[in-house]
N, C-alpha and C. Protein backbone atom coordinates (compact mmCIF):
# COMPACT_ATOMS: atom_id res chain seq x y z
N MET A 1 -20.77 -16.59 -20.96
CA MET A 1 -20.09 -15.30 -21.41
C MET A 1 -21.01 -14.42 -20.73
N ARG A 2 -22.22 -14.42 -19.91
CA ARG A 2 -22.63 -13.54 -19.09
C ARG A 2 -21.99 -13.31 -17.92
N HIS A 3 -21.28 -14.32 -17.24
CA HIS A 3 -20.71 -14.32 -16.38
C HIS A 3 -19.30 -13.41 -16.54
N LEU A 4 -18.68 -13.81 -17.62
CA LEU A 4 -17.53 -13.23 -18.02
C LEU A 4 -17.88 -11.42 -18.03
N LEU A 5 -18.78 -11.21 -18.54
CA LEU A 5 -19.37 -9.85 -18.88
C LEU A 5 -19.54 -9.20 -17.18
N ILE A 6 -20.29 -9.76 -16.47
CA ILE A 6 -20.48 -9.16 -14.86
C ILE A 6 -19.28 -9.10 -14.00
N LEU A 7 -18.24 -10.09 -14.30
CA LEU A 7 -16.85 -10.12 -13.73
C LEU A 7 -16.29 -8.67 -14.09
N LEU A 8 -16.34 -8.63 -15.52
CA LEU A 8 -15.67 -7.45 -16.05
C LEU A 8 -16.09 -6.17 -15.67
N ILE A 9 -17.47 -6.20 -15.48
CA ILE A 9 -18.41 -4.82 -15.09
C ILE A 9 -17.74 -4.72 -13.53
N LEU A 10 -17.90 -5.87 -12.63
CA LEU A 10 -17.35 -5.24 -11.28
C LEU A 10 -16.24 -5.41 -11.33
N THR A 11 -14.98 -5.41 -12.09
CA THR A 11 -13.67 -5.26 -11.85
C THR A 11 -13.34 -3.77 -12.42
N ILE A 12 -14.01 -3.27 -13.50
CA ILE A 12 -13.55 -1.87 -13.74
C ILE A 12 -13.36 -0.93 -12.87
N PRO A 13 -14.36 -0.73 -12.10
CA PRO A 13 -14.39 0.35 -10.91
C PRO A 13 -13.17 -0.07 -10.00
N ALA A 14 -12.62 -1.13 -9.68
CA ALA A 14 -11.18 -1.33 -8.88
C ALA A 14 -10.15 -1.12 -9.70
N LEU A 15 -10.36 -0.94 -10.84
CA LEU A 15 -8.80 -0.76 -11.76
C LEU A 15 -8.91 0.84 -12.49
N ALA A 16 -10.02 1.42 -12.16
CA ALA A 16 -10.30 2.77 -12.61
C ALA A 16 -9.32 3.71 -11.99
N GLY A 17 -10.21 4.94 -11.26
CA GLY A 17 -9.64 6.16 -10.92
C GLY A 17 -9.19 5.77 -9.63
N PRO A 18 -8.55 6.88 -9.04
CA PRO A 18 -8.04 7.05 -7.39
C PRO A 18 -9.01 6.56 -6.49
N PRO A 19 -8.54 5.86 -5.32
CA PRO A 19 -9.39 5.57 -4.11
C PRO A 19 -9.82 6.59 -3.59
N THR A 20 -11.25 6.24 -3.21
CA THR A 20 -11.88 6.94 -2.65
C THR A 20 -12.80 6.21 -1.31
N GLU A 21 -12.69 5.09 -1.68
CA GLU A 21 -13.23 4.07 -0.47
C GLU A 21 -12.21 3.06 -0.11
N ALA A 22 -12.14 2.55 1.08
CA ALA A 22 -11.57 1.43 1.38
C ALA A 22 -11.41 0.20 0.39
N PRO A 23 -10.25 -0.43 0.31
CA PRO A 23 -10.51 -1.67 -0.99
C PRO A 23 -11.31 -2.63 -0.38
N ALA A 24 -11.87 -3.29 -1.32
CA ALA A 24 -12.88 -4.50 -1.08
C ALA A 24 -12.33 -5.77 -2.01
N GLY A 25 -13.07 -6.85 -1.48
CA GLY A 25 -13.07 -7.67 -2.40
C GLY A 25 -11.67 -8.13 -3.01
N TRP A 26 -11.30 -8.88 -3.82
CA TRP A 26 -9.79 -9.04 -4.16
C TRP A 26 -8.70 -8.16 -4.29
N GLU A 27 -9.04 -6.75 -4.40
CA GLU A 27 -8.25 -5.81 -4.40
C GLU A 27 -8.02 -5.53 -2.78
N ARG A 28 -8.84 -5.76 -1.71
CA ARG A 28 -8.57 -5.85 -0.56
C ARG A 28 -7.83 -7.17 0.10
N LYS A 29 -7.74 -8.37 -0.61
CA LYS A 29 -7.21 -9.43 0.12
C LYS A 29 -5.61 -9.04 -0.51
N LEU A 30 -5.32 -8.30 -1.93
CA LEU A 30 -4.22 -8.32 -2.61
C LEU A 30 -3.41 -7.21 -1.68
N ILE A 31 -4.27 -6.08 -1.51
CA ILE A 31 -3.68 -5.14 -0.48
C ILE A 31 -2.87 -5.57 0.67
N ALA A 32 -3.76 -6.53 1.38
CA ALA A 32 -3.36 -6.97 2.41
C ALA A 32 -2.20 -7.92 2.66
N ALA A 33 -2.16 -8.46 1.62
CA ALA A 33 -1.02 -9.31 1.42
C ALA A 33 0.28 -8.50 1.27
N VAL A 34 0.22 -7.61 0.29
CA VAL A 34 1.31 -6.66 -0.20
C VAL A 34 1.75 -6.04 1.19
N ILE A 35 0.88 -5.68 2.18
CA ILE A 35 1.35 -5.04 3.40
C ILE A 35 1.84 -5.92 4.53
N ILE A 36 1.55 -7.12 4.68
CA ILE A 36 2.12 -8.09 5.37
C ILE A 36 3.51 -8.48 4.54
N ALA A 37 3.64 -8.56 3.24
CA ALA A 37 4.84 -8.94 2.64
C ALA A 37 6.17 -7.95 2.85
N GLU A 38 5.50 -6.56 2.83
CA GLU A 38 6.45 -5.46 2.84
C GLU A 38 6.97 -5.24 4.43
N ALA A 39 5.54 -5.43 5.37
CA ALA A 39 6.01 -5.10 6.64
C ALA A 39 5.15 -5.65 7.92
N GLY A 40 5.21 -7.24 7.52
CA GLY A 40 4.58 -8.15 8.33
C GLY A 40 5.41 -8.24 9.68
N GLY A 41 6.59 -7.98 9.73
CA GLY A 41 7.52 -8.15 10.88
C GLY A 41 7.72 -6.92 11.73
N GLU A 42 6.87 -5.73 11.15
CA GLU A 42 6.91 -4.77 11.97
C GLU A 42 5.40 -4.48 12.57
N ASP A 43 5.52 -3.45 13.49
CA ASP A 43 4.25 -3.43 14.45
C ASP A 43 3.38 -2.62 13.77
N MET A 44 1.98 -2.80 14.33
CA MET A 44 0.86 -2.03 13.94
C MET A 44 1.19 -0.65 12.86
N LYS A 45 1.65 -0.05 13.36
CA LYS A 45 2.06 1.26 12.83
C LYS A 45 3.00 1.05 11.84
N GLY A 46 3.71 0.41 11.68
CA GLY A 46 4.93 0.25 10.40
C GLY A 46 3.75 -0.14 9.28
N MET A 47 2.97 -1.16 9.74
CA MET A 47 1.88 -1.82 8.86
C MET A 47 0.88 -0.62 8.25
N LYS A 48 0.23 0.22 9.02
CA LYS A 48 -0.36 1.52 8.86
C LYS A 48 0.25 2.35 7.90
N ALA A 49 1.75 2.42 8.27
CA ALA A 49 2.52 3.55 7.31
C ALA A 49 2.78 2.94 5.96
N VAL A 50 2.86 1.77 5.47
CA VAL A 50 2.68 1.25 4.10
C VAL A 50 1.42 1.40 3.54
N TYR A 51 0.38 1.06 4.15
CA TYR A 51 -0.89 1.51 3.85
C TYR A 51 -0.98 3.12 3.39
N GLU A 52 -0.49 3.69 3.94
CA GLU A 52 -0.69 5.29 3.97
C GLU A 52 0.11 5.57 2.53
N VAL A 53 1.18 4.86 2.32
CA VAL A 53 2.10 4.85 1.13
C VAL A 53 1.25 4.53 -0.07
N ILE A 54 0.43 3.35 -0.13
CA ILE A 54 -0.22 2.82 -0.84
C ILE A 54 -1.33 3.58 -1.37
N TRP A 55 -1.94 3.99 -0.38
CA TRP A 55 -2.89 5.04 -0.77
C TRP A 55 -2.61 6.48 -1.41
N GLN A 56 -1.71 7.02 -0.72
CA GLN A 56 -0.90 8.13 -1.42
C GLN A 56 -0.87 8.18 -2.94
N ARG A 57 -0.03 6.80 -2.95
CA ARG A 57 0.20 6.87 -4.44
C ARG A 57 -1.03 6.58 -5.62
N GLY A 58 -2.34 5.92 -5.05
CA GLY A 58 -3.24 5.71 -5.35
C GLY A 58 -3.77 7.23 -6.05
N VAL A 59 -4.02 8.18 -4.85
CA VAL A 59 -4.64 9.55 -5.23
C VAL A 59 -3.71 10.15 -5.88
N GLN A 60 -2.13 10.60 -5.89
CA GLN A 60 -1.20 11.35 -6.71
C GLN A 60 -1.52 10.85 -7.79
N ARG A 61 -1.32 9.32 -8.30
CA ARG A 61 -1.38 9.00 -9.66
C ARG A 61 -2.72 8.75 -10.25
N LYS A 62 -3.75 8.64 -9.57
CA LYS A 62 -5.14 8.72 -10.01
C LYS A 62 -5.28 7.30 -10.59
N ARG A 63 -4.97 6.42 -9.74
CA ARG A 63 -5.10 5.11 -9.89
C ARG A 63 -5.74 4.15 -8.76
N SER A 64 -5.94 2.99 -9.10
CA SER A 64 -6.63 2.18 -8.16
C SER A 64 -5.59 1.86 -7.11
N LEU A 65 -5.86 1.40 -5.89
CA LEU A 65 -4.90 0.60 -5.08
C LEU A 65 -4.37 -0.64 -5.78
N TYR A 66 -5.12 -1.24 -6.57
CA TYR A 66 -4.72 -2.56 -7.24
C TYR A 66 -3.71 -2.25 -8.20
N ALA A 67 -3.88 -1.16 -8.98
CA ALA A 67 -3.05 -0.68 -10.11
C ALA A 67 -1.70 -0.35 -9.39
N VAL A 68 -2.07 0.06 -8.23
CA VAL A 68 -0.64 0.96 -7.80
C VAL A 68 0.23 -0.25 -7.18
N VAL A 69 -0.32 -1.38 -6.57
CA VAL A 69 0.57 -2.35 -5.86
C VAL A 69 1.15 -3.37 -7.30
N THR A 70 0.29 -3.35 -8.35
CA THR A 70 0.91 -4.11 -9.21
C THR A 70 1.59 -3.54 -10.56
N GLN A 71 1.77 -2.00 -10.30
CA GLN A 71 2.64 -1.51 -11.17
C GLN A 71 4.03 -2.04 -11.11
N ARG A 72 4.78 -2.33 -12.34
CA ARG A 72 6.07 -2.94 -12.51
C ARG A 72 7.22 -2.39 -11.77
N LYS A 73 7.75 -2.99 -10.64
CA LYS A 73 8.79 -2.64 -9.88
C LYS A 73 8.58 -1.75 -8.81
N GLN A 74 7.45 -1.81 -8.52
CA GLN A 74 7.12 -0.80 -7.25
C GLN A 74 6.92 -1.25 -5.82
N PHE A 75 6.68 -2.52 -5.77
CA PHE A 75 6.59 -3.48 -4.60
C PHE A 75 7.38 -4.49 -4.97
N SER A 76 8.79 -4.63 -4.08
CA SER A 76 9.47 -5.86 -4.39
C SER A 76 8.78 -7.00 -4.18
N CYS A 77 7.98 -7.21 -3.19
CA CYS A 77 7.20 -8.66 -2.83
C CYS A 77 6.25 -9.19 -4.21
N LEU A 78 6.29 -8.14 -5.24
CA LEU A 78 5.48 -8.85 -6.38
C LEU A 78 6.33 -8.98 -7.75
N ASN A 79 7.58 -8.39 -7.40
CA ASN A 79 8.65 -8.59 -8.23
C ASN A 79 8.77 -9.83 -9.31
N SER A 80 8.82 -11.02 -8.30
CA SER A 80 9.09 -12.37 -9.14
C SER A 80 7.91 -13.53 -8.67
N THR A 81 6.54 -12.93 -8.29
CA THR A 81 5.45 -13.85 -8.14
C THR A 81 4.34 -12.90 -8.82
N THR A 82 3.35 -13.68 -8.92
CA THR A 82 1.85 -13.41 -9.07
C THR A 82 1.11 -12.95 -7.91
N PRO A 83 0.06 -11.65 -8.35
CA PRO A 83 -0.70 -11.40 -6.99
C PRO A 83 -1.21 -12.76 -6.39
N THR A 84 -1.99 -13.47 -7.28
CA THR A 84 -2.39 -15.00 -6.78
C THR A 84 -1.63 -15.59 -5.56
N GLU A 85 -0.48 -15.95 -6.17
CA GLU A 85 0.64 -16.53 -5.19
C GLU A 85 0.82 -15.70 -3.84
N LEU A 86 1.20 -14.34 -3.97
CA LEU A 86 1.28 -13.73 -3.16
C LEU A 86 0.20 -13.79 -1.81
N VAL A 87 -1.28 -13.92 -2.36
CA VAL A 87 -2.19 -13.72 -1.60
C VAL A 87 -1.89 -14.91 -0.86
N GLN A 88 -1.91 -16.30 -1.62
CA GLN A 88 -1.98 -17.68 -1.01
C GLN A 88 -0.87 -17.73 0.04
N ARG A 89 0.24 -17.11 -0.12
CA ARG A 89 1.57 -17.14 0.85
C ARG A 89 0.95 -16.22 2.00
N MET A 90 0.88 -15.10 1.91
CA MET A 90 0.73 -14.09 3.06
C MET A 90 -0.75 -14.44 3.88
N SER A 91 -1.36 -14.95 3.25
CA SER A 91 -2.73 -15.29 3.85
C SER A 91 -2.52 -16.00 5.25
N GLN A 92 -1.24 -16.90 5.33
CA GLN A 92 -1.06 -17.68 6.51
C GLN A 92 -0.26 -16.89 7.42
N HIS A 93 0.17 -15.34 7.02
CA HIS A 93 0.97 -14.83 8.32
C HIS A 93 -0.50 -14.77 9.56
N SER A 94 0.28 -14.70 10.46
CA SER A 94 -0.49 -14.34 11.99
C SER A 94 -1.44 -12.84 11.82
N ARG A 95 -0.88 -12.02 11.21
CA ARG A 95 -1.35 -10.57 11.31
C ARG A 95 -2.22 -10.24 9.96
N TYR A 96 -2.36 -11.49 8.78
CA TYR A 96 -3.22 -10.99 7.56
C TYR A 96 -4.63 -10.64 7.92
N LYS A 97 -5.26 -11.50 8.80
CA LYS A 97 -6.73 -11.54 9.05
C LYS A 97 -6.89 -9.89 9.50
N TRP A 98 -5.93 -9.62 10.74
CA TRP A 98 -6.06 -7.95 11.10
C TRP A 98 -5.86 -6.94 10.04
N VAL A 99 -5.17 -7.17 8.97
CA VAL A 99 -4.79 -5.98 8.23
C VAL A 99 -6.14 -6.15 7.20
N ARG A 100 -6.67 -7.44 6.73
CA ARG A 100 -7.58 -7.49 5.75
C ARG A 100 -8.85 -7.14 6.17
N ASP A 101 -8.99 -7.67 7.62
CA ASP A 101 -10.55 -7.31 8.24
C ASP A 101 -10.70 -5.87 8.90
N GLU A 102 -9.48 -5.24 9.73
CA GLU A 102 -9.44 -4.30 10.32
C GLU A 102 -8.92 -3.22 9.73
N LEU A 103 -7.33 -3.27 9.17
CA LEU A 103 -6.55 -1.98 8.84
C LEU A 103 -7.22 -1.73 7.75
N LEU A 104 -8.06 -2.41 7.01
CA LEU A 104 -8.08 -2.21 5.33
C LEU A 104 -9.75 -1.91 5.45
N LYS A 105 -10.31 -1.62 6.41
CA LYS A 105 -11.79 -1.25 6.53
C LYS A 105 -11.98 0.06 6.45
N PHE A 106 -11.11 0.86 6.42
CA PHE A 106 -11.36 2.25 6.35
C PHE A 106 -9.98 3.02 5.21
N PRO A 107 -10.20 3.74 4.51
CA PRO A 107 -9.11 4.54 4.30
C PRO A 107 -8.34 4.94 5.33
N PRO A 108 -6.77 5.06 5.13
CA PRO A 108 -5.95 5.24 6.39
C PRO A 108 -6.29 6.55 7.05
N LEU A 109 -6.72 6.38 8.05
CA LEU A 109 -7.41 7.59 9.16
C LEU A 109 -6.32 8.31 9.88
N THR A 110 -5.17 7.79 9.88
CA THR A 110 -4.24 8.54 10.62
C THR A 110 -3.07 8.91 9.68
N VAL A 111 -2.10 10.01 10.17
CA VAL A 111 -0.91 10.02 9.56
C VAL A 111 0.51 9.88 10.08
N HIS A 112 0.84 8.83 9.86
CA HIS A 112 2.15 8.50 10.87
C HIS A 112 3.46 8.74 9.77
N THR A 113 3.60 8.82 8.56
CA THR A 113 4.46 8.94 7.44
C THR A 113 4.70 10.67 7.35
N CYS A 114 3.84 11.51 7.70
CA CYS A 114 4.18 12.92 7.41
C CYS A 114 5.35 13.64 7.88
N PRO A 115 6.22 14.14 7.17
CA PRO A 115 7.81 14.46 7.51
C PRO A 115 7.30 15.79 8.49
N ALA A 116 8.21 16.05 9.23
CA ALA A 116 7.96 16.76 10.66
C ALA A 116 8.09 18.29 10.23
N HIS A 117 8.63 18.51 9.01
CA HIS A 117 8.35 20.07 8.54
C HIS A 117 7.17 20.56 7.65
N LEU A 118 6.32 19.52 7.46
CA LEU A 118 4.88 19.64 6.91
C LEU A 118 3.85 19.44 8.26
N LEU A 119 2.70 19.91 7.84
CA LEU A 119 1.67 19.56 8.69
C LEU A 119 1.04 18.29 8.52
N ALA A 120 0.48 17.86 9.85
CA ALA A 120 0.09 16.43 9.67
C ALA A 120 -0.99 16.14 8.90
N LEU A 121 -1.24 16.51 7.53
CA LEU A 121 -2.68 16.28 6.75
C LEU A 121 -2.23 14.93 6.16
N ALA A 122 -3.57 14.66 5.54
CA ALA A 122 -3.43 13.07 4.61
C ALA A 122 -3.00 13.58 3.29
N THR A 123 -2.69 14.75 2.80
CA THR A 123 -2.11 15.22 1.77
C THR A 123 -0.59 15.41 1.70
N ASN A 124 -0.32 15.19 3.09
CA ASN A 124 1.30 15.11 3.37
C ASN A 124 1.64 13.81 3.57
N ARG A 125 1.26 12.77 3.32
CA ARG A 125 1.48 11.44 3.51
C ARG A 125 2.43 11.11 2.60
N ALA A 126 3.67 10.15 3.17
CA ALA A 126 4.58 9.64 2.22
C ALA A 126 4.09 8.77 1.16
N ASN A 127 4.82 9.00 0.05
CA ASN A 127 4.36 8.28 -1.09
C ASN A 127 5.48 7.29 -1.61
N HIS A 128 6.64 6.94 -0.74
CA HIS A 128 7.63 6.40 -1.00
C HIS A 128 8.45 5.82 0.53
N TYR A 129 9.23 4.67 0.43
CA TYR A 129 9.98 4.34 1.47
C TYR A 129 10.76 2.95 1.11
N HIS A 130 11.76 2.73 2.04
CA HIS A 130 12.95 1.95 1.72
C HIS A 130 13.35 1.55 3.14
N ALA A 131 13.85 0.36 2.85
CA ALA A 131 14.63 -0.17 4.41
C ALA A 131 15.68 0.70 4.94
N VAL A 132 15.61 1.09 6.40
CA VAL A 132 16.48 1.78 6.86
C VAL A 132 17.66 1.20 6.71
N GLY A 133 19.03 2.02 6.29
CA GLY A 133 20.10 1.78 6.16
C GLY A 133 20.52 1.49 4.80
N VAL A 134 19.39 1.87 3.84
CA VAL A 134 19.71 1.94 2.33
C VAL A 134 19.36 3.68 2.16
N THR A 135 20.25 4.10 1.20
CA THR A 135 19.91 5.59 0.90
C THR A 135 19.27 5.51 -0.58
N PRO A 136 18.25 5.57 -1.13
CA PRO A 136 17.82 5.41 -2.22
C PRO A 136 18.29 6.20 -2.93
N TYR A 137 18.52 6.20 -4.49
CA TYR A 137 18.68 7.32 -5.51
C TYR A 137 17.80 8.31 -5.38
N TRP A 138 16.40 7.79 -5.20
CA TRP A 138 15.37 8.67 -5.64
C TRP A 138 15.33 9.66 -4.40
N ALA A 139 15.98 9.28 -3.24
CA ALA A 139 15.27 10.22 -1.99
C ALA A 139 16.03 11.50 -1.87
N LYS A 140 17.20 11.82 -2.97
CA LYS A 140 17.50 13.15 -3.42
C LYS A 140 17.71 14.03 -2.28
N GLY A 141 18.37 13.33 -1.09
CA GLY A 141 18.56 14.24 0.27
C GLY A 141 17.29 14.33 1.20
N GLU A 142 16.31 13.92 0.94
CA GLU A 142 15.38 14.20 1.93
C GLU A 142 15.61 13.13 3.10
N VAL A 143 15.08 13.64 4.16
CA VAL A 143 15.39 12.86 5.61
C VAL A 143 14.46 11.95 5.52
N GLY A 144 13.17 12.02 5.54
CA GLY A 144 12.25 10.95 5.75
C GLY A 144 11.82 10.76 7.10
N VAL A 145 10.91 9.74 7.44
CA VAL A 145 10.70 9.59 9.00
C VAL A 145 10.87 7.87 8.73
N THR A 146 11.25 7.80 10.09
CA THR A 146 11.71 6.17 10.42
C THR A 146 10.62 5.64 10.95
N ILE A 147 9.98 4.56 11.08
CA ILE A 147 9.00 4.03 11.44
C ILE A 147 9.66 2.42 11.42
N GLY A 148 9.70 1.77 12.50
CA GLY A 148 10.51 0.48 12.45
C GLY A 148 11.93 0.32 11.69
N ASN A 149 11.47 -0.50 10.72
CA ASN A 149 12.61 -0.91 9.80
C ASN A 149 12.67 -0.05 8.46
N HIS A 150 12.05 1.09 8.43
CA HIS A 150 11.59 1.57 7.07
C HIS A 150 11.77 3.06 7.23
N ARG A 151 12.17 3.64 6.59
CA ARG A 151 12.09 5.09 6.26
C ARG A 151 11.14 5.74 5.07
N PHE A 152 10.05 6.27 5.62
CA PHE A 152 9.01 7.01 4.44
C PHE A 152 9.53 8.22 4.13
N TYR A 153 9.40 8.61 2.83
CA TYR A 153 9.63 9.92 2.32
C TYR A 153 8.42 10.41 1.32
N LYS A 154 8.28 11.76 1.72
CA LYS A 154 7.26 12.59 0.76
C LYS A 154 8.04 13.05 -0.34
N LEU A 155 8.08 12.85 -1.44
CA LEU A 155 8.66 12.97 -2.62
C LEU A 155 7.98 13.91 -3.42
N LYS A 156 8.32 14.93 -4.16
CA LYS A 156 7.47 15.77 -5.09
C LYS A 156 7.30 15.26 -6.51
């Protein structure tokens, strides 16, 4: 019982409010797995851009990064698998260690996904993305920023 209580106490901050620090522990492993699953075929800039979106959603929705990526139907890589299974699969990817140990060491430091008509500020990071060649209904005419095989959007 004591171990369960300690685990619960350690988990609550990760599930609570918006991110203020880089992810740690289990959350860090899962965020790394999501980034690899979504953009593992991209260069480092593409993976950083996905991290920006995850971070921006956490800030805007006042949710932890874990809560952002596990929200239903938000990241397709988790639509038909569990977080544990995704981490197990993606941890075999050649860039997983770099994402987990280097990219996620800090909050996103650069702004790659800011649309050209906005100042390159952290508050102007994209909060949505989709594969290039697809015009999602939610884009509502926004042009977006293309990075690799994804287009990033800053939606209101």
